[in-house]
C-alpha atoms as a PDB file:
ATOM      1  CA  MET A   1     -86.403  55.859 -12.158  1.00  0.00           C
ATOM      2  CA  HIS A   2     -83.957  53.143 -13.685  1.00  0.00           C
ATOM      3  CA  ALA A   3     -82.668  50.570 -11.279  1.00  0.00           C
ATOM      4  CA  LEU A   4     -78.894  50.033 -11.033  1.00  0.00           C
ATOM      5  CA  HIS A   5     -77.669  46.715 -11.304  1.00  0.00           C
ATOM      6  CA  ALA A   6     -74.223  45.680  -9.892  1.00  0.00           C
ATOM      7  CA  VAL A   7     -72.626  42.752 -11.761  1.00  0.00           C
ATOM      8  CA  ASN A   8     -69.888  40.824  -9.785  1.00  0.00           C
ATOM      9  CA  ARG A   9     -67.327  39.614 -12.147  1.00  0.00           C
ATOM     10  CA  ILE A  10     -65.229  36.373 -10.856  1.00  0.00           C
ATOM     11  CA  PRO A  11     -61.528  37.176 -10.807  1.00  0.00           C
ATOM     12  CA  SER A  12     -59.693  34.983 -13.233  1.00  0.00           C
ATOM     13  CA  MET A  13     -56.252  35.023 -11.243  1.00  0.00           C
ATOM     14  CA  GLY A  14     -57.061  31.911  -9.387  1.00  0.00           C
ATOM     15  CA  ILE A  15     -57.488  29.913 -12.540  1.00  0.00           C
ATOM     16  CA  LEU A  16     -54.476  31.424 -13.996  1.00  0.00           C
ATOM     17  CA  SER A  17     -52.296  30.441 -10.788  1.00  0.00           C
ATOM     18  CA  LEU A  18     -53.934  26.924 -10.906  1.00  0.00           C
ATOM     19  CA  ARG A  19     -52.777  26.644 -14.499  1.00  0.00           C
ATOM     20  CA  ASN A  20     -49.019  27.934 -13.825  1.00  0.00           C
ATOM     21  CA  ILE A  21     -48.859  25.232 -10.954  1.00  0.00           C
ATOM     22  CA  TRP A  22     -49.652  22.512 -13.257  1.00  0.00           C
ATOM     23  CA  ARG A  23     -47.229  23.816 -15.838  1.00  0.00           C
ATOM     24  CA  THR A  24     -44.567  24.099 -13.281  1.00  0.00           C
ATOM     25  CA  MET A  25     -45.009  20.530 -12.042  1.00  0.00           C
ATOM     26  CA  ALA A  26     -45.085  19.439 -15.669  1.00  0.00           C
ATOM     27  CA  ALA A  27     -41.773  20.981 -16.382  1.00  0.00           C
ATOM     28  CA  ALA A  28     -40.378  19.452 -13.148  1.00  0.00           C
ATOM     29  CA  LEU A  29     -41.670  16.128 -14.083  1.00  0.00           C
ATOM     30  CA  LEU A  30     -39.922  16.466 -17.367  1.00  0.00           C
ATOM     31  CA  ALA A  31     -36.669  17.550 -16.166  1.00  0.00           C
ATOM     32  CA  VAL A  32     -36.459  14.643 -13.755  1.00  0.00           C
ATOM     33  CA  VAL A  33     -37.303  12.053 -16.280  1.00  0.00           C
ATOM     34  CA  PHE A  34     -34.592  13.653 -18.589  1.00  0.00           C
ATOM     35  CA  ILE A  35     -32.071  13.682 -15.891  1.00  0.00           C
ATOM     36  CA  GLY A  36     -32.796  10.060 -15.075  1.00  0.00           C
ATOM     37  CA  PHE A  37     -32.618   9.232 -18.814  1.00  0.00           C
ATOM     38  CA  VAL A  38     -29.105  11.099 -18.867  1.00  0.00           C
ATOM     39  CA  LEU A  39     -27.742   8.941 -15.931  1.00  0.00           C
ATOM     40  CA  TRP A  40     -29.111   5.826 -17.233  1.00  0.00           C
ATOM     41  CA  LEU A  41     -27.000   6.667 -20.375  1.00  0.00           C
ATOM     42  CA  ILE A  42     -23.836   7.504 -18.457  1.00  0.00           C
ATOM     43  CA  ARG A  43     -24.274   4.583 -15.992  1.00  0.00           C
ATOM     44  CA  PRO A  44     -21.236   2.220 -15.569  1.00  0.00           C
ATOM     45  CA  ARG A  45     -21.305  -0.563 -18.206  1.00  0.00           C
ATOM     46  CA  PHE A  46     -18.527  -2.722 -16.698  1.00  0.00           C
ATOM     47  CA  ASP A  47     -19.170  -6.262 -15.525  1.00  0.00           C
ATOM     48  CA  VAL A  48     -17.684  -6.092 -11.780  1.00  0.00           C
ATOM     49  CA  SER A  49     -16.700  -9.872 -11.870  1.00  0.00           C
ATOM     50  CA  GLU A  50     -14.815  -9.411 -15.067  1.00  0.00           C
ATOM     51  CA  VAL A  51     -13.061  -6.002 -13.619  1.00  0.00           C
ATOM     52  CA  ARG A  52     -12.270  -7.913 -10.384  1.00  0.00           C
ATOM     53  CA  GLU A  53     -10.563 -10.800 -12.463  1.00  0.00           C
ATOM     54  CA  ARG A  54      -8.761  -8.061 -14.540  1.00  0.00           C
ATOM     55  CA  VAL A  55      -7.330  -6.646 -11.361  1.00  0.00           C
ATOM     56  CA  LEU A  56      -6.007  -9.891 -10.015  1.00  0.00           C
ATOM     57  CA  SER A  57      -4.478 -10.881 -13.123  1.00  0.00           C
ATOM     58  CA  SER A  58      -2.822  -7.440 -13.530  1.00  0.00           C
ATOM     59  CA  ILE A  59      -1.290  -7.761 -10.069  1.00  0.00           C
ATOM     60  CA  GLN A  60      -0.173 -11.336 -10.486  1.00  0.00           C
ATOM     61  CA  SER A  61       1.357 -10.619 -13.869  1.00  0.00           C
ATOM     62  CA  GLU A  62       3.347  -7.674 -12.456  1.00  0.00           C
ATOM     63  CA  ALA A  63       4.555  -9.929  -9.575  1.00  0.00           C
ATOM     64  CA  SER A  64       7.999 -11.462  -9.968  1.00  0.00           C
ATOM     65  CA  GLU A  65       7.862 -15.047  -9.186  1.00  0.00           C
ATOM     66  CA  SER A  66       4.604 -14.449  -7.541  1.00  0.00           C
ATOM     67  CA  PHE A  67       5.891 -11.752  -5.192  1.00  0.00           C
ATOM     68  CA  LEU A  68       4.912  -8.054  -5.941  1.00  0.00           C
ATOM     69  CA  VAL A  69       7.481  -5.540  -4.706  1.00  0.00           C
ATOM     70  CA  THR A  70       5.776  -2.126  -3.606  1.00  0.00           C
ATOM     71  CA  GLY A  71       8.751  -0.330  -1.805  1.00  0.00           C
ATOM     72  CA  SER A  72      12.092  -0.251  -0.273  1.00  0.00           C
ATOM     73  CA  LEU A  73      13.717   0.714   2.596  1.00  0.00           C
ATOM     74  CA  GLU A  74      17.526   1.957   3.125  1.00  0.00           C
ATOM     75  CA  LEU A  75      19.086   0.743   6.375  1.00  0.00           C
ATOM     76  CA  THR A  76      22.254   0.334   8.379  1.00  0.00           C
ATOM     77  CA  ALA A  77      23.086  -2.511  10.606  1.00  0.00           C
ATOM     78  CA  THR A  78      25.995  -2.598  13.094  1.00  0.00           C
ATOM     79  CA  SER A  79      27.260  -5.957  14.564  1.00  0.00           C
ATOM     80  CA  THR A  80      29.957  -6.857  16.706  1.00  0.00           C
ATOM     81  CA  VAL A  81      31.595 -10.385  17.428  1.00  0.00           C
ATOM     82  CA  GLU A  82      34.157 -11.180  20.020  1.00  0.00           C
ATOM     83  CA  ASP A  83      36.177 -14.321  20.156  1.00  0.00           C
ATOM     84  CA  THR A  84      38.395 -15.094  23.246  1.00  0.00           C
ATOM     85  CA  ARG A  85      40.833 -17.964  23.323  1.00  0.00           C
ATOM     86  CA  TYR A  86      42.570 -19.657  26.149  1.00  0.00           C
ATOM     87  CA  LEU A  87      45.479 -21.969  26.777  1.00  0.00           C
ATOM     88  CA  PHE A  88      45.413 -24.632  29.484  1.00  0.00           C
ATOM     89  CA  PRO A  89      42.780 -25.486  31.664  1.00  0.00           C
ATOM     90  CA  PRO A  90      42.027 -23.493  34.862  1.00  0.00           C
ATOM     91  CA  PRO A  91      43.791 -22.716  37.250  1.00  0.00           C
ATOM     92  CA  MET A  92      46.620 -22.521  34.946  1.00  0.00           C
ATOM     93  CA  ARG A  93      44.648 -21.094  32.155  1.00  0.00           C
ATOM     94  CA  LEU A  94      46.310 -18.626  29.958  1.00  0.00           C
ATOM     95  CA  ASN A  95      44.311 -15.804  28.232  1.00  0.00           C
ATOM     96  CA  LEU A  96      45.464 -15.770  24.558  1.00  0.00           C
ATOM     97  CA  GLY A  97      43.430 -12.330  23.937  1.00  0.00           C
ATOM     98  CA  THR A  98      40.189 -11.539  22.508  1.00  0.00           C
ATOM     99  CA  THR A  99      39.874 -10.869  18.720  1.00  0.00           C
ATOM    100  CA  ARG A 100      36.883  -8.238  18.218  1.00  0.00           C
ATOM    101  CA  ALA A 101      35.296  -7.314  14.851  1.00  0.00           C
ATOM    102  CA  THR A 102      32.748  -4.710  14.128  1.00  0.00           C
ATOM    103  CA  VAL A 103      30.990  -4.158  10.954  1.00  0.00           C
ATOM    104  CA  ARG A 104      28.854  -1.402   9.832  1.00  0.00           C
ATOM    105  CA  LEU A 105      26.767  -2.426   6.886  1.00  0.00           C
ATOM    106  CA  PRO A 106      24.244  -0.218   4.864  1.00  0.00           C
ATOM    107  CA  GLY A 107      21.901  -1.891   2.661  1.00  0.00           C
ATOM    108  CA  ARG A 108      18.657  -1.594   0.695  1.00  0.00           C
ATOM    109  CA  VAL A 109      15.721  -3.964   1.461  1.00  0.00           C
ATOM    110  CA  THR A 110      12.717  -4.379  -0.895  1.00  0.00           C
ATOM    111  CA  TYR A 111       9.132  -5.578   0.432  1.00  0.00           C
ATOM    112  CA  GLY A 112       5.628  -6.218  -0.824  1.00  0.00           C
ATOM    113  CA  PHE A 113       3.485  -9.131  -0.694  1.00  0.00           C
ATOM    114  CA  ASP A 114       2.900 -12.660  -2.178  1.00  0.00           C
ATOM    115  CA  ALA A 115       0.243 -12.069  -5.023  1.00  0.00           C
ATOM    116  CA  ARG A 116      -1.046 -15.615  -4.484  1.00  0.00           C
ATOM    117  CA  VAL A 117      -2.589 -14.575  -1.373  1.00  0.00           C
ATOM    118  CA  LEU A 118      -4.751 -11.903  -3.009  1.00  0.00           C
ATOM    119  CA  LYS A 119      -8.315 -13.427  -3.388  1.00  0.00           C
ATOM    120  CA  PRO A 120     -11.128 -11.964  -5.200  1.00  0.00           C
ATOM    121  CA  GLU A 121     -12.760 -11.167  -1.802  1.00  0.00           C
ATOM    122  CA  ASN A 122     -10.093  -8.920  -1.343  1.00  0.00           C
ATOM    123  CA  ILE A 123     -11.217  -6.574  -4.132  1.00  0.00           C
ATOM    124  CA  ALA A 124     -14.572  -4.945  -3.981  1.00  0.00           C
ATOM    125  CA  ILE A 125     -15.900  -2.927  -6.830  1.00  0.00           C
ATOM    126  CA  ALA A 126     -18.958  -0.665  -6.495  1.00  0.00           C
ATOM    127  CA  PRO A 127     -21.242   0.182  -9.538  1.00  0.00           C
ATOM    128  CA  ASP A 128     -19.923   3.777  -9.337  1.00  0.00           C
ATOM    129  CA  GLY A 129     -16.308   2.659  -9.988  1.00  0.00           C
ATOM    130  CA  HIS A 130     -15.116   2.883  -6.289  1.00  0.00           C
ATOM    131  CA  VAL A 131     -12.783   0.252  -5.864  1.00  0.00           C
ATOM    132  CA  GLN A 132     -11.541  -0.956  -2.229  1.00  0.00           C
ATOM    133  CA  VAL A 133      -8.612  -3.263  -2.027  1.00  0.00           C
ATOM    134  CA  THR A 134      -7.661  -5.080   1.196  1.00  0.00           C
ATOM    135  CA  ILE A 135      -3.869  -5.254   1.317  1.00  0.00           C
ATOM    136  CA  PRO A 136      -2.288  -8.538   2.484  1.00  0.00           C
ATOM    137  CA  PRO A 137       0.137  -8.870   4.922  1.00  0.00           C
ATOM    138  CA  LEU A 138       3.749  -7.456   3.862  1.00  0.00           C
ATOM    139  CA  ALA A 139       6.939  -9.243   3.963  1.00  0.00           C
ATOM    140  CA  VAL A 140      10.544  -8.550   3.129  1.00  0.00           C
ATOM    141  CA  PHE A 141      11.558  -9.705  -0.495  1.00  0.00           C
ATOM    142  CA  SER A 142      15.239  -9.060  -0.814  1.00  0.00           C
ATOM    143  CA  VAL A 143      18.066  -7.804   1.369  1.00  0.00           C
ATOM    144  CA  GLU A 144      20.914  -6.125  -0.807  1.00  0.00           C
ATOM    145  CA  PRO A 145      23.936  -5.220   1.538  1.00  0.00           C
ATOM    146  CA  ARG A 146      26.306  -2.499   0.041  1.00  0.00           C
ATOM    147  CA  LEU A 147      29.456  -4.371   0.602  1.00  0.00           C
ATOM    148  CA  LEU A 148      31.491  -1.521  -1.129  1.00  0.00           C
ATOM    149  CA  GLU A 149      30.195   1.003   1.601  1.00  0.00           C
ATOM    150  CA  MET A 150      30.903  -1.284   4.472  1.00  0.00           C
ATOM    151  CA  GLU A 151      33.014  -0.274   7.413  1.00  0.00           C
ATOM    152  CA  VAL A 152      35.101  -2.832   9.226  1.00  0.00           C
ATOM    153  CA  GLN A 153      37.075  -2.608  12.313  1.00  0.00           C
ATOM    154  CA  THR A 154      38.872  -5.633  13.657  1.00  0.00           C
ATOM    155  CA  ASP A 155      41.064  -5.859  16.699  1.00  0.00           C
ATOM    156  CA  VAL A 156      43.404  -9.138  16.966  1.00  0.00           C
ATOM    157  CA  GLY A 157      44.255 -10.688  20.421  1.00  0.00           C
ATOM    158  CA  TRP A 158      47.908 -10.434  21.486  1.00  0.00           C
ATOM    159  CA  ALA A 159      48.502 -14.239  20.572  1.00  0.00           C
ATOM    160  CA  ARG A 160      46.064 -14.387  17.927  1.00  0.00           C
ATOM    161  CA  THR A 161      46.536 -13.717  13.973  1.00  0.00           C
ATOM    162  CA  TYR A 162      44.449 -11.714  11.597  1.00  0.00           C
ATOM    163  CA  ALA A 163      44.511 -14.425   8.961  1.00  0.00           C
ATOM    164  CA  GLY A 164      43.043 -16.879  11.613  1.00  0.00           C
ATOM    165  CA  SER A 165      40.826 -15.265  14.234  1.00  0.00           C
ATOM    166  CA  GLY A 166      40.681 -11.970  12.773  1.00  0.00           C
ATOM    167  CA  GLN A 167      38.951 -13.307   9.308  1.00  0.00           C
ATOM    168  CA  GLU A 168      36.778 -15.306  11.210  1.00  0.00           C
ATOM    169  CA  ALA A 169      35.342 -12.852  13.385  1.00  0.00           C
ATOM    170  CA  THR A 170      35.095 -10.510  10.462  1.00  0.00           C
ATOM    171  CA  GLN A 171      33.041 -13.080   8.359  1.00  0.00           C
ATOM    172  CA  ALA A 172      30.906 -13.618  11.369  1.00  0.00           C
ATOM    173  CA  ALA A 173      30.403 -10.112  12.139  1.00  0.00           C
ATOM    174  CA  LEU A 174      29.230  -9.565   8.287  1.00  0.00           C
ATOM    175  CA  ALA A 175      26.713 -12.384   8.377  1.00  0.00           C
ATOM    176  CA  LEU A 176      25.373 -11.070  11.580  1.00  0.00           C
ATOM    177  CA  ALA A 177      24.918  -7.569  10.097  1.00  0.00           C
ATOM    178  CA  GLN A 178      23.050  -9.010   7.117  1.00  0.00           C
ATOM    179  CA  ASP A 179      20.563 -10.824   9.484  1.00  0.00           C
ATOM    180  CA  ILE A 180      20.236  -7.620  11.508  1.00  0.00           C
ATOM    181  CA  LEU A 181      19.105  -5.942   8.358  1.00  0.00           C
ATOM    182  CA  ARG A 182      16.447  -8.433   7.679  1.00  0.00           C
ATOM    183  CA  LEU A 183      15.388  -8.125  11.111  1.00  0.00           C
ATOM    184  CA  GLN A 184      15.138  -4.277  11.168  1.00  0.00           C
ATOM    185  CA  ALA A 185      13.138  -4.207   8.027  1.00  0.00           C
ATOM    186  CA  GLU A 186      10.489  -6.733   9.243  1.00  0.00           C
ATOM    187  CA  THR A 187      10.454  -4.968  12.453  1.00  0.00           C
ATOM    188  CA  TYR A 188       9.665  -1.472  10.751  1.00  0.00           C
ATOM    189  CA  ILE A 189       7.141  -3.239   8.144  1.00  0.00           C
ATOM    190  CA  GLU A 190       5.226  -4.517  11.192  1.00  0.00           C
ATOM    191  CA  GLU A 191       5.148  -1.372  13.424  1.00  0.00           C
ATOM    192  CA  ASN A 192       4.804   1.328  10.760  1.00  0.00           C
ATOM    193  CA  THR A 193       2.027   2.262   8.547  1.00  0.00           C
ATOM    194  CA  GLN A 194       4.325   3.877   5.830  1.00  0.00           C
ATOM    195  CA  PRO A 195       5.047   0.681   4.001  1.00  0.00           C
ATOM    196  CA  ARG A 196       1.129  -0.213   3.788  1.00  0.00           C
ATOM    197  CA  ILE A 197       0.605   3.428   2.383  1.00  0.00           C
ATOM    198  CA  ASN A 198       3.379   2.987  -0.156  1.00  0.00           C
ATOM    199  CA  THR A 199       1.962  -0.176  -1.259  1.00  0.00           C
ATOM    200  CA  ALA A 200      -1.470   1.428  -1.687  1.00  0.00           C
ATOM    201  CA  SER A 201       0.264   4.083  -3.921  1.00  0.00           C
ATOM    202  CA  ALA A 202       1.865   1.447  -5.962  1.00  0.00           C
ATOM    203  CA  LEU A 203      -1.387  -0.550  -6.417  1.00  0.00           C
ATOM    204  CA  GLU A 204      -3.407   2.519  -7.438  1.00  0.00           C
ATOM    205  CA  THR A 205      -0.668   3.315 -10.166  1.00  0.00           C
ATOM    206  CA  LEU A 206      -0.705  -0.230 -11.458  1.00  0.00           C
ATOM    207  CA  LEU A 207      -4.497  -0.416 -11.222  1.00  0.00           C
ATOM    208  CA  ARG A 208      -5.858   2.681 -12.636  1.00  0.00           C
ATOM    209  CA  PRO A 209      -5.037   2.173 -16.479  1.00  0.00           C
ATOM    210  CA  VAL A 210      -6.531  -1.491 -16.114  1.00  0.00           C
ATOM    211  CA  LEU A 211      -9.816  -0.077 -14.746  1.00  0.00           C
ATOM    212  CA  VAL A 212      -9.812   2.632 -17.324  1.00  0.00           C
ATOM    213  CA  ALA A 213      -9.450  -0.034 -20.042  1.00  0.00           C
ATOM    214  CA  ALA A 214     -12.195  -1.927 -18.616  1.00  0.00           C
ATOM    215  CA  ASP A 215     -14.527   0.947 -19.124  1.00  0.00           C
ATOM    216  CA  VAL A 216     -14.572   2.167 -15.536  1.00  0.00           C
ATOM    217  CA  ARG A 217     -14.710   5.917 -15.927  1.00  0.00           C
ATOM    218  CA  SER A 218     -12.720   7.987 -13.296  1.00  0.00           C
ATOM    219  CA  PRO A 219     -12.148   4.997 -10.770  1.00  0.00           C
ATOM    220  CA  ARG A 220     -11.563   5.927  -7.376  1.00  0.00           C
ATOM    221  CA  PHE A 221      -9.681   3.717  -4.886  1.00  0.00           C
ATOM    222  CA  SER A 222      -9.640   3.000  -1.092  1.00  0.00           C
ATOM    223  CA  PHE A 223      -7.129   0.748   0.580  1.00  0.00           C
ATOM    224  CA  GLN A 224      -7.656  -1.305   3.609  1.00  0.00           C
ATOM    225  CA  ILE A 225      -4.006  -0.907   5.165  1.00  0.00           C
ATOM    226  CA  GLY A 226      -4.908  -2.159   8.708  1.00  0.00           C
ATOM    227  CA  PRO A 227      -7.676  -3.915  10.973  1.00  0.00           C
ATOM    228  CA  HIS A 228      -9.121  -0.342  11.451  1.00  0.00           C
ATOM    229  CA  LEU A 229      -7.459   1.681   9.214  1.00  0.00           C
ATOM    230  CA  VAL A 230      -8.534   2.884   5.422  1.00  0.00           C
ATOM    231  CA  MET A 231      -6.561   4.859   2.967  1.00  0.00           C
ATOM    232  CA  PRO A 232      -9.344   7.018   1.486  1.00  0.00           C
ATOM    233  CA  PRO A 233      -9.429   8.023  -2.255  1.00  0.00           C
ATOM    234  CA  GLY A 234      -6.593  10.484  -2.842  1.00  0.00           C
ATOM    235  CA  GLY A 235      -5.018   9.599   0.667  1.00  0.00           C
END
């Protein structure tokens, strides 16, 4: 009688699975190294301090007499001046009439900021090319009244003359209207965010080619337009 011997064979599947795991890990490691090498090659190669200086010099070179104009407003001011004259003191005082001049004056006001107040600390540049600019306080640059479109209404008192009190009242009303134009512009700039948004857009248009020329690839901008208000990239 022949004895039957059973031979147990060790499966090779476990060894193959272990080899596959090592191969996968090695491939993943090579991929990470390759990606890191590529990122190193395409890393930003600009000097932050140099780029910041270029930004400042570009803004200051664009500024007329150190003031960079970034926007304008179309406004209309209305002013009225009255002048009453009397003859003789009280109680015999005689009213010679009241001369009244009303001026309606449209005009264009430009605004921006003094480039001299913009300092390096107002400009932050991250290694990835993200640029954040803190916008300085805005101010009125010029008030340009449209005198050809001005409307004037003058009423002269019964004992007064247009050549005298009439012209005096008209000139006073015109000067007052110009002051009102400036005051309206200053109030609008102080109380509204749109002028600062316009300023941010103007700065982005000005600075983008400067940064591209300084080897900043695809620069992104954000602007601090208020104490707690930031205009994000593309905002």
